[in-house]
Amino acid sequence: MFIGLRPSWLGGLITGTGPANANIAIEASTDMVLWRYHSIVAANAFGVWQLSEPNTIAPPYRFYRALSAQQLPPGLINWWQADNSYVDSFGGILGTPVNDLGFADGQRGRAFGFDGVGKLLSLGGAPVPVPWTACFWVRREDAVDASSALIADDFTSLKLEQFGSPARVVGFTQFGVADYYFAHTVPTNTWTHVAFVGTADGTALYFNGGHMETLPASISLPRGILGARTTLGDKLNGLLDEITWFNRALTPAEIDQVRNVTRGP
């Protein structure tokens, strides 16, 4: 639905208006006939949004239009839709595929395909301190390594399969300090929406919108490598789709909202 784009150009900065606190999809065209997805912006409490476009005065000239986007909760900082693209469609982090990380049929569109051997996505993003929420659509296969990471950096990791667990339970790690274990395992060969909520009081785990368990420990949300700890270990085997991260602790109702917005038909 077109929402009434009224942009102004201020030194490469496009501004517009829309619904307050809404996620707004921007499409671009060079001929006003063929429109393509360009990015997603977030309107503030007054409905104002901004898009940085440093080359608006250089040909080929582009036209823009704003459309209402899927309404994820406030606080969204990253969103990998994995639809044949490594680009974070909201936060601007460009992932770098390693060892030909490719795509497979996802639970919605396409998904990142990890082989448990060498494929990963390098992000290089800074960690996010608590509070935060990290959501993933996961189709797990048993890892080749002793554990597998959803996301990690040199200091912390969210584990799809925690080290040392014969049951391959979900967990999280602060390297050099402790491995933490939930009492729950993501099933194999089926799509599961997995969410973590980190606060100063602990870390909660949700499967398919339902609260499973909360542990009284927390870490910063790493944004270094998707699908591994490093190029040497904790390699994930399976598929990841519709990855959404937030800089606040979502409520149970909001986690279910994320699940509903990002799941396939």
C-alpha atoms as a PDB file:
ATOM      1  CA  MET A   1       0.000   0.000   0.000  1.00  0.00           C
ATOM      2  CA  PHE A   2       1.399   3.403  -0.967  1.00  0.00           C
ATOM      3  CA  ILE A   3       1.594   5.640   2.084  1.00  0.00           C
ATOM      4  CA  GLY A   4       2.148   9.084   0.602  1.00  0.00           C
ATOM      5  CA  LEU A   5       5.857   9.743   0.159  1.00  0.00           C
ATOM      6  CA  ARG A   6       6.690  13.421   0.366  1.00  0.00           C
ATOM      7  CA  PRO A   7      10.481  13.427   0.195  1.00  0.00           C
ATOM      8  CA  SER A   8      12.855  16.360   0.303  1.00  0.00           C
ATOM      9  CA  TRP A   9      16.499  16.204  -0.723  1.00  0.00           C
ATOM     10  CA  LEU A  10      18.948  17.746   1.734  1.00  0.00           C
ATOM     11  CA  GLY A  11      22.513  16.995   0.730  1.00  0.00           C
ATOM     12  CA  GLY A  12      21.815  13.359  -0.090  1.00  0.00           C
ATOM     13  CA  LEU A  13      19.334  12.877   2.744  1.00  0.00           C
ATOM     14  CA  ILE A  14      15.802  11.932   1.705  1.00  0.00           C
ATOM     15  CA  THR A  15      13.129  12.587   4.293  1.00  0.00           C
ATOM     16  CA  GLY A  16       9.503  11.534   4.256  1.00  0.00           C
ATOM     17  CA  THR A  17       6.492  10.913   6.425  1.00  0.00           C
ATOM     18  CA  GLY A  18       4.376   7.890   7.239  1.00  0.00           C
ATOM     19  CA  PRO A  19       2.683   6.207  10.196  1.00  0.00           C
ATOM     20  CA  ALA A  20       4.348   6.832  13.548  1.00  0.00           C
ATOM     21  CA  ASN A  21       6.845   4.155  14.651  1.00  0.00           C
ATOM     22  CA  ALA A  22       6.240   2.142  11.475  1.00  0.00           C
ATOM     23  CA  ASN A  23       8.687   0.118   9.404  1.00  0.00           C
ATOM     24  CA  ILE A  24       8.522   1.548   5.878  1.00  0.00           C
ATOM     25  CA  ALA A  25       9.785  -0.162   2.724  1.00  0.00           C
ATOM     26  CA  ILE A  26      11.450   2.048   0.129  1.00  0.00           C
ATOM     27  CA  GLU A  27      11.365   1.112  -3.542  1.00  0.00           C
ATOM     28  CA  ALA A  28      13.479   2.808  -6.230  1.00  0.00           C
ATOM     29  CA  SER A  29      13.102   3.234  -9.979  1.00  0.00           C
ATOM     30  CA  THR A  30      14.958   4.980 -12.790  1.00  0.00           C
ATOM     31  CA  ASP A  31      11.916   5.211 -15.077  1.00  0.00           C
ATOM     32  CA  MET A  32       8.904   5.176 -12.694  1.00  0.00           C
ATOM     33  CA  VAL A  33       7.751   1.973 -14.431  1.00  0.00           C
ATOM     34  CA  LEU A  34       9.935  -0.791 -13.008  1.00  0.00           C
ATOM     35  CA  TRP A  35      10.203  -0.535  -9.223  1.00  0.00           C
ATOM     36  CA  ARG A  36      12.596  -2.591  -7.089  1.00  0.00           C
ATOM     37  CA  TYR A  37      13.045  -3.029  -3.346  1.00  0.00           C
ATOM     38  CA  HIS A  38      15.691  -0.631  -2.061  1.00  0.00           C
ATOM     39  CA  SER A  39      15.687  -0.640   1.763  1.00  0.00           C
ATOM     40  CA  ILE A  40      13.600  -0.391   4.908  1.00  0.00           C
ATOM     41  CA  VAL A  41      13.471   2.707   7.119  1.00  0.00           C
ATOM     42  CA  ALA A  42      11.867   3.322  10.498  1.00  0.00           C
ATOM     43  CA  ALA A  43       9.611   6.284  11.166  1.00  0.00           C
ATOM     44  CA  ASN A  44       9.941   8.059  14.484  1.00  0.00           C
ATOM     45  CA  ALA A  45       7.147   8.870  16.913  1.00  0.00           C
ATOM     46  CA  PHE A  46       6.099  11.773  14.648  1.00  0.00           C
ATOM     47  CA  GLY A  47       6.045   9.627  11.524  1.00  0.00           C
ATOM     48  CA  VAL A  48       9.225  11.150  10.059  1.00  0.00           C
ATOM     49  CA  TRP A  49      11.836   8.908   8.413  1.00  0.00           C
ATOM     50  CA  GLN A  50      15.159   9.562   6.694  1.00  0.00           C
ATOM     51  CA  LEU A  51      17.159   7.739   4.037  1.00  0.00           C
ATOM     52  CA  SER A  52      20.793   8.576   3.269  1.00  0.00           C
ATOM     53  CA  GLU A  53      21.417   8.599  -0.492  1.00  0.00           C
ATOM     54  CA  PRO A  54      24.736  10.353  -1.281  1.00  0.00           C
ATOM     55  CA  ASN A  55      24.390  10.006  -5.077  1.00  0.00           C
ATOM     56  CA  THR A  56      20.904  11.409  -5.656  1.00  0.00           C
ATOM     57  CA  ILE A  57      22.224  14.198  -7.913  1.00  0.00           C
ATOM     58  CA  ALA A  58      24.303  11.882 -10.123  1.00  0.00           C
ATOM     59  CA  PRO A  59      22.831   9.960 -13.067  1.00  0.00           C
ATOM     60  CA  PRO A  60      21.115   7.633 -13.434  1.00  0.00           C
ATOM     61  CA  TYR A  61      18.568   9.630 -11.487  1.00  0.00           C
ATOM     62  CA  ARG A  62      16.347   7.600  -9.181  1.00  0.00           C
ATOM     63  CA  PHE A  63      12.780   8.008  -8.052  1.00  0.00           C
ATOM     64  CA  TYR A  64      11.556   6.676  -4.739  1.00  0.00           C
ATOM     65  CA  ARG A  65       8.283   5.560  -3.250  1.00  0.00           C
ATOM     66  CA  ALA A  66       7.400   4.414   0.237  1.00  0.00           C
ATOM     67  CA  LEU A  67       5.228   1.430   1.059  1.00  0.00           C
ATOM     68  CA  SER A  68       3.969   0.094   4.332  1.00  0.00           C
ATOM     69  CA  ALA A  69       6.231  -2.757   5.495  1.00  0.00           C
ATOM     70  CA  GLN A  70       5.571  -5.736   7.724  1.00  0.00           C
ATOM     71  CA  GLN A  71       5.113  -4.383  11.193  1.00  0.00           C
ATOM     72  CA  LEU A  72       7.805  -5.795  13.418  1.00  0.00           C
ATOM     73  CA  PRO A  73       8.019  -4.495  16.994  1.00  0.00           C
ATOM     74  CA  PRO A  74      10.041  -1.351  17.750  1.00  0.00           C
ATOM     75  CA  GLY A  75      13.764  -1.705  18.347  1.00  0.00           C
ATOM     76  CA  LEU A  76      14.636  -3.679  15.202  1.00  0.00           C
ATOM     77  CA  ILE A  77      18.353  -3.289  14.434  1.00  0.00           C
ATOM     78  CA  ASN A  78      19.085  -6.098  11.933  1.00  0.00           C
ATOM     79  CA  TRP A  79      17.014  -8.233   9.571  1.00  0.00           C
ATOM     80  CA  TRP A  80      18.442 -10.857   7.239  1.00  0.00           C
ATOM     81  CA  GLN A  81      15.634 -12.171   5.026  1.00  0.00           C
ATOM     82  CA  ALA A  82      18.098 -14.496   3.213  1.00  0.00           C
ATOM     83  CA  ASP A  83      16.215 -14.176  -0.067  1.00  0.00           C
ATOM     84  CA  ASN A  84      19.249 -14.784  -2.288  1.00  0.00           C
ATOM     85  CA  SER A  85      20.985 -11.848  -0.604  1.00  0.00           C
ATOM     86  CA  TYR A  86      23.573 -11.497   2.168  1.00  0.00           C
ATOM     87  CA  VAL A  87      22.464  -7.922   2.931  1.00  0.00           C
ATOM     88  CA  ASP A  88      20.929  -6.912   6.235  1.00  0.00           C
ATOM     89  CA  SER A  89      17.801  -5.223   4.895  1.00  0.00           C
ATOM     90  CA  PHE A  90      17.349  -3.006   7.960  1.00  0.00           C
ATOM     91  CA  GLY A  91      20.622  -2.346   9.763  1.00  0.00           C
ATOM     92  CA  GLY A  92      22.968  -2.086   6.788  1.00  0.00           C
ATOM     93  CA  ILE A  93      25.443  -4.862   7.692  1.00  0.00           C
ATOM     94  CA  LEU A  94      26.675  -6.558   4.525  1.00  0.00           C
ATOM     95  CA  GLY A  95      27.484 -10.194   5.215  1.00  0.00           C
ATOM     96  CA  THR A  96      30.458 -11.806   3.499  1.00  0.00           C
ATOM     97  CA  PRO A  97      29.902 -15.468   2.559  1.00  0.00           C
ATOM     98  CA  VAL A  98      32.755 -17.865   3.334  1.00  0.00           C
ATOM     99  CA  ASN A  99      33.338 -21.139   1.449  1.00  0.00           C
ATOM    100  CA  ASP A 100      30.476 -20.455  -0.951  1.00  0.00           C
ATOM    101  CA  LEU A 101      27.688 -20.175   1.586  1.00  0.00           C
ATOM    102  CA  GLY A 102      24.591 -20.371  -0.562  1.00  0.00           C
ATOM    103  CA  PHE A 103      20.834 -20.519  -0.366  1.00  0.00           C
ATOM    104  CA  ALA A 104      18.156 -23.187  -0.178  1.00  0.00           C
ATOM    105  CA  ASP A 105      14.377 -23.275   0.012  1.00  0.00           C
ATOM    106  CA  GLY A 106      13.407 -21.517   3.231  1.00  0.00           C
ATOM    107  CA  GLN A 107      10.372 -21.538   5.424  1.00  0.00           C
ATOM    108  CA  ARG A 108       9.604 -18.274   3.625  1.00  0.00           C
ATOM    109  CA  GLY A 109      11.292 -17.671   0.290  1.00  0.00           C
ATOM    110  CA  ARG A 110      14.955 -18.624   0.543  1.00  0.00           C
ATOM    111  CA  ALA A 111      17.269 -19.388   3.490  1.00  0.00           C
ATOM    112  CA  PHE A 112      20.996 -19.505   4.248  1.00  0.00           C
ATOM    113  CA  GLY A 113      22.306 -23.060   3.803  1.00  0.00           C
ATOM    114  CA  PHE A 114      25.028 -24.174   6.239  1.00  0.00           C
ATOM    115  CA  ASP A 115      26.816 -27.510   5.752  1.00  0.00           C
ATOM    116  CA  GLY A 116      28.459 -28.063   9.153  1.00  0.00           C
ATOM    117  CA  VAL A 117      31.893 -28.086   7.528  1.00  0.00           C
ATOM    118  CA  GLY A 118      33.001 -24.682   6.308  1.00  0.00           C
ATOM    119  CA  LYS A 119      30.172 -22.443   5.135  1.00  0.00           C
ATOM    120  CA  LEU A 120      29.478 -19.360   7.240  1.00  0.00           C
ATOM    121  CA  LEU A 121      28.541 -15.685   6.963  1.00  0.00           C
ATOM    122  CA  SER A 122      31.011 -13.127   8.295  1.00  0.00           C
ATOM    123  CA  LEU A 123      29.254 -10.026   9.654  1.00  0.00           C
ATOM    124  CA  GLY A 124      31.854  -8.091  11.631  1.00  0.00           C
ATOM    125  CA  GLY A 125      29.238  -6.230  13.658  1.00  0.00           C
ATOM    126  CA  ALA A 126      29.745  -4.840  17.148  1.00  0.00           C
ATOM    127  CA  PRO A 127      28.135  -6.728  20.060  1.00  0.00           C
ATOM    128  CA  VAL A 128      24.884  -5.424  21.524  1.00  0.00           C
ATOM    129  CA  PRO A 129      24.752  -5.042  25.321  1.00  0.00           C
ATOM    130  CA  VAL A 130      21.689  -6.158  27.259  1.00  0.00           C
ATOM    131  CA  PRO A 131      18.817  -5.767  26.777  1.00  0.00           C
ATOM    132  CA  TRP A 132      18.430  -7.436  23.371  1.00  0.00           C
ATOM    133  CA  THR A 133      16.320 -10.000  21.516  1.00  0.00           C
ATOM    134  CA  ALA A 134      17.550 -12.364  18.789  1.00  0.00           C
ATOM    135  CA  CYS A 135      15.101 -14.355  16.641  1.00  0.00           C
ATOM    136  CA  PHE A 136      15.882 -17.060  14.083  1.00  0.00           C
ATOM    137  CA  TRP A 137      13.899 -19.448  11.925  1.00  0.00           C
ATOM    138  CA  VAL A 138      15.950 -22.654  12.178  1.00  0.00           C
ATOM    139  CA  ARG A 139      15.868 -26.002  10.384  1.00  0.00           C
ATOM    140  CA  ARG A 140      18.493 -27.969  12.308  1.00  0.00           C
ATOM    141  CA  GLU A 141      20.565 -30.968  11.347  1.00  0.00           C
ATOM    142  CA  ASP A 142      23.000 -32.625  13.762  1.00  0.00           C
ATOM    143  CA  ALA A 143      26.314 -30.771  13.742  1.00  0.00           C
ATOM    144  CA  VAL A 144      29.584 -32.341  12.706  1.00  0.00           C
ATOM    145  CA  ASP A 145      31.404 -30.406  15.436  1.00  0.00           C
ATOM    146  CA  ALA A 146      30.879 -30.960  19.166  1.00  0.00           C
ATOM    147  CA  SER A 147      28.679 -27.853  19.173  1.00  0.00           C
ATOM    148  CA  SER A 148      27.228 -25.377  16.718  1.00  0.00           C
ATOM    149  CA  ALA A 149      26.753 -21.614  16.879  1.00  0.00           C
ATOM    150  CA  LEU A 150      23.900 -19.531  15.584  1.00  0.00           C
ATOM    151  CA  ILE A 151      25.936 -16.350  16.017  1.00  0.00           C
ATOM    152  CA  ALA A 152      29.285 -15.726  17.706  1.00  0.00           C
ATOM    153  CA  ASP A 153      32.300 -13.483  18.091  1.00  0.00           C
ATOM    154  CA  ASP A 154      35.562 -13.893  19.972  1.00  0.00           C
ATOM    155  CA  PHE A 155      33.855 -13.425  23.337  1.00  0.00           C
ATOM    156  CA  THR A 156      30.306 -14.812  23.306  1.00  0.00           C
ATOM    157  CA  SER A 157      28.035 -17.100  21.324  1.00  0.00           C
ATOM    158  CA  LEU A 158      24.411 -18.184  21.024  1.00  0.00           C
ATOM    159  CA  LYS A 159      24.549 -21.959  20.585  1.00  0.00           C
ATOM    160  CA  LEU A 160      22.080 -24.021  18.606  1.00  0.00           C
ATOM    161  CA  GLU A 161      23.842 -27.087  20.079  1.00  0.00           C
ATOM    162  CA  GLN A 162      25.764 -26.448  23.269  1.00  0.00           C
ATOM    163  CA  PHE A 163      29.194 -27.969  23.780  1.00  0.00           C
ATOM    164  CA  GLY A 164      29.277 -31.192  25.808  1.00  0.00           C
ATOM    165  CA  SER A 165      25.555 -31.942  25.643  1.00  0.00           C
ATOM    166  CA  PRO A 166      24.648 -35.397  24.252  1.00  0.00           C
ATOM    167  CA  ALA A 167      21.083 -34.101  23.847  1.00  0.00           C
ATOM    168  CA  ARG A 168      22.352 -31.174  21.726  1.00  0.00           C
ATOM    169  CA  VAL A 169      20.495 -28.629  23.856  1.00  0.00           C
ATOM    170  CA  VAL A 170      20.338 -24.920  23.081  1.00  0.00           C
ATOM    171  CA  GLY A 171      22.674 -22.704  25.095  1.00  0.00           C
ATOM    172  CA  PHE A 172      24.933 -19.676  25.169  1.00  0.00           C
ATOM    173  CA  THR A 173      28.573 -19.150  26.053  1.00  0.00           C
ATOM    174  CA  GLN A 174      30.906 -16.547  27.429  1.00  0.00           C
ATOM    175  CA  PHE A 175      34.220 -17.934  26.270  1.00  0.00           C
ATOM    176  CA  GLY A 176      36.719 -18.418  29.080  1.00  0.00           C
ATOM    177  CA  VAL A 177      33.948 -18.023  31.668  1.00  0.00           C
ATOM    178  CA  ALA A 178      31.118 -20.544  31.284  1.00  0.00           C
ATOM    179  CA  ASP A 179      28.872 -22.569  28.988  1.00  0.00           C
ATOM    180  CA  TYR A 180      25.175 -22.233  29.829  1.00  0.00           C
ATOM    181  CA  TYR A 181      22.635 -24.962  29.000  1.00  0.00           C
ATOM    182  CA  PHE A 182      18.893 -24.800  28.462  1.00  0.00           C
ATOM    183  CA  ALA A 183      17.030 -28.072  28.926  1.00  0.00           C
ATOM    184  CA  HIS A 184      15.590 -27.951  25.413  1.00  0.00           C
ATOM    185  CA  THR A 185      16.675 -29.188  21.988  1.00  0.00           C
ATOM    186  CA  VAL A 186      15.580 -27.795  18.628  1.00  0.00           C
ATOM    187  CA  PRO A 187      14.104 -30.682  16.602  1.00  0.00           C
ATOM    188  CA  THR A 188      15.718 -31.777  13.356  1.00  0.00           C
ATOM    189  CA  ASN A 189      14.187 -31.610   9.880  1.00  0.00           C
ATOM    190  CA  THR A 190      11.507 -29.098  10.810  1.00  0.00           C
ATOM    191  CA  TRP A 191      11.293 -25.315  10.896  1.00  0.00           C
ATOM    192  CA  THR A 192      11.338 -23.872  14.422  1.00  0.00           C
ATOM    193  CA  HIS A 193      11.222 -20.214  15.432  1.00  0.00           C
ATOM    194  CA  VAL A 194      13.913 -19.796  18.108  1.00  0.00           C
ATOM    195  CA  ALA A 195      14.188 -16.581  20.132  1.00  0.00           C
ATOM    196  CA  PHE A 196      16.564 -15.467  22.883  1.00  0.00           C
ATOM    197  CA  VAL A 197      15.897 -12.482  25.161  1.00  0.00           C
ATOM    198  CA  GLY A 198      18.871 -11.138  27.089  1.00  0.00           C
ATOM    199  CA  THR A 199      18.462  -8.816  30.074  1.00  0.00           C
ATOM    200  CA  ALA A 200      20.542  -7.917  33.092  1.00  0.00           C
ATOM    201  CA  ASP A 201      18.596 -10.542  35.063  1.00  0.00           C
ATOM    202  CA  GLY A 202      19.008 -13.488  32.701  1.00  0.00           C
ATOM    203  CA  THR A 203      18.425 -15.023  29.279  1.00  0.00           C
ATOM    204  CA  ALA A 204      15.077 -16.427  28.167  1.00  0.00           C
ATOM    205  CA  LEU A 205      14.471 -19.005  25.438  1.00  0.00           C
ATOM    206  CA  TYR A 206      11.348 -19.250  23.254  1.00  0.00           C
ATOM    207  CA  PHE A 207      10.318 -21.920  20.743  1.00  0.00           C
ATOM    208  CA  ASN A 208       7.569 -21.003  18.255  1.00  0.00           C
ATOM    209  CA  GLY A 209       6.474 -18.087  20.403  1.00  0.00           C
ATOM    210  CA  GLY A 210       6.249 -20.061  23.646  1.00  0.00           C
ATOM    211  CA  HIS A 211       8.490 -19.432  26.646  1.00  0.00           C
ATOM    212  CA  MET A 212      10.597 -22.497  27.409  1.00  0.00           C
ATOM    213  CA  GLU A 213      13.033 -21.477  30.138  1.00  0.00           C
ATOM    214  CA  THR A 214      15.006 -18.580  31.649  1.00  0.00           C
ATOM    215  CA  LEU A 215      18.572 -18.919  32.948  1.00  0.00           C
ATOM    216  CA  PRO A 216      19.983 -16.448  35.525  1.00  0.00           C
ATOM    217  CA  ALA A 217      22.947 -15.387  33.366  1.00  0.00           C
ATOM    218  CA  SER A 218      23.350 -13.100  30.386  1.00  0.00           C
ATOM    219  CA  ILE A 219      25.821 -12.055  27.700  1.00  0.00           C
ATOM    220  CA  SER A 220      26.086  -9.366  25.071  1.00  0.00           C
ATOM    221  CA  LEU A 221      24.557 -10.313  21.718  1.00  0.00           C
ATOM    222  CA  PRO A 222      27.459 -11.143  19.378  1.00  0.00           C
ATOM    223  CA  ARG A 223      27.305 -10.058  15.722  1.00  0.00           C
ATOM    224  CA  GLY A 224      30.589 -11.431  14.390  1.00  0.00           C
ATOM    225  CA  ILE A 225      29.954 -14.650  12.453  1.00  0.00           C
ATOM    226  CA  LEU A 226      26.664 -16.297  11.552  1.00  0.00           C
ATOM    227  CA  GLY A 227      26.721 -20.092  11.611  1.00  0.00           C
ATOM    228  CA  ALA A 228      30.077 -20.616  13.371  1.00  0.00           C
ATOM    229  CA  ARG A 229      32.335 -19.369  16.148  1.00  0.00           C
ATOM    230  CA  THR A 230      35.336 -19.016  13.857  1.00  0.00           C
ATOM    231  CA  THR A 231      36.407 -20.551  10.573  1.00  0.00           C
ATOM    232  CA  LEU A 232      37.698 -23.476  12.677  1.00  0.00           C
ATOM    233  CA  GLY A 233      34.822 -24.534  14.879  1.00  0.00           C
ATOM    234  CA  ASP A 234      31.209 -24.627  16.100  1.00  0.00           C
ATOM    235  CA  LYS A 235      29.912 -24.869  12.544  1.00  0.00           C
ATOM    236  CA  LEU A 236      26.163 -25.021  12.101  1.00  0.00           C
ATOM    237  CA  ASN A 237      24.544 -27.705   9.964  1.00  0.00           C
ATOM    238  CA  GLY A 238      21.124 -26.674   8.635  1.00  0.00           C
ATOM    239  CA  LEU A 239      19.195 -23.663   7.423  1.00  0.00           C
ATOM    240  CA  LEU A 240      18.592 -20.184   8.867  1.00  0.00           C
ATOM    241  CA  ASP A 241      15.893 -17.819   7.640  1.00  0.00           C
ATOM    242  CA  GLU A 242      14.291 -14.484   8.600  1.00  0.00           C
ATOM    243  CA  ILE A 243      16.869 -13.479  11.235  1.00  0.00           C
ATOM    244  CA  THR A 244      15.699 -10.477  13.277  1.00  0.00           C
ATOM    245  CA  TRP A 245      17.570  -8.773  16.118  1.00  0.00           C
ATOM    246  CA  PHE A 246      16.334  -6.028  18.453  1.00  0.00           C
ATOM    247  CA  ASN A 247      18.029  -3.680  20.918  1.00  0.00           C
ATOM    248  CA  ARG A 248      15.387  -4.241  23.585  1.00  0.00           C
ATOM    249  CA  ALA A 249      13.764  -7.128  25.424  1.00  0.00           C
ATOM    250  CA  LEU A 250      10.636  -8.082  23.519  1.00  0.00           C
ATOM    251  CA  THR A 251       7.585  -9.247  25.414  1.00  0.00           C
ATOM    252  CA  PRO A 252       6.166 -12.742  24.797  1.00  0.00           C
ATOM    253  CA  ALA A 253       3.397 -11.180  22.697  1.00  0.00           C
ATOM    254  CA  GLU A 254       5.961  -9.305  20.602  1.00  0.00           C
ATOM    255  CA  ILE A 255       8.020 -12.461  20.041  1.00  0.00           C
ATOM    256  CA  ASP A 256       4.880 -14.154  18.759  1.00  0.00           C
ATOM    257  CA  GLN A 257       4.295 -11.096  16.577  1.00  0.00           C
ATOM    258  CA  VAL A 258       7.780 -11.524  15.049  1.00  0.00           C
ATOM    259  CA  ARG A 259       7.070 -15.190  14.424  1.00  0.00           C
ATOM    260  CA  ASN A 260       3.782 -14.412  12.679  1.00  0.00           C
ATOM    261  CA  VAL A 261       5.201 -11.563  10.578  1.00  0.00           C
ATOM    262  CA  THR A 262       8.203 -13.556   9.349  1.00  0.00           C
ATOM    263  CA  ARG A 263       6.738 -17.010   8.809  1.00  0.00           C
ATOM    264  CA  GLY A 264       5.851 -18.321   5.403  1.00  0.00           C
ATOM    265  CA  PRO A 265       2.384 -19.013   4.038  1.00  0.00           C
END
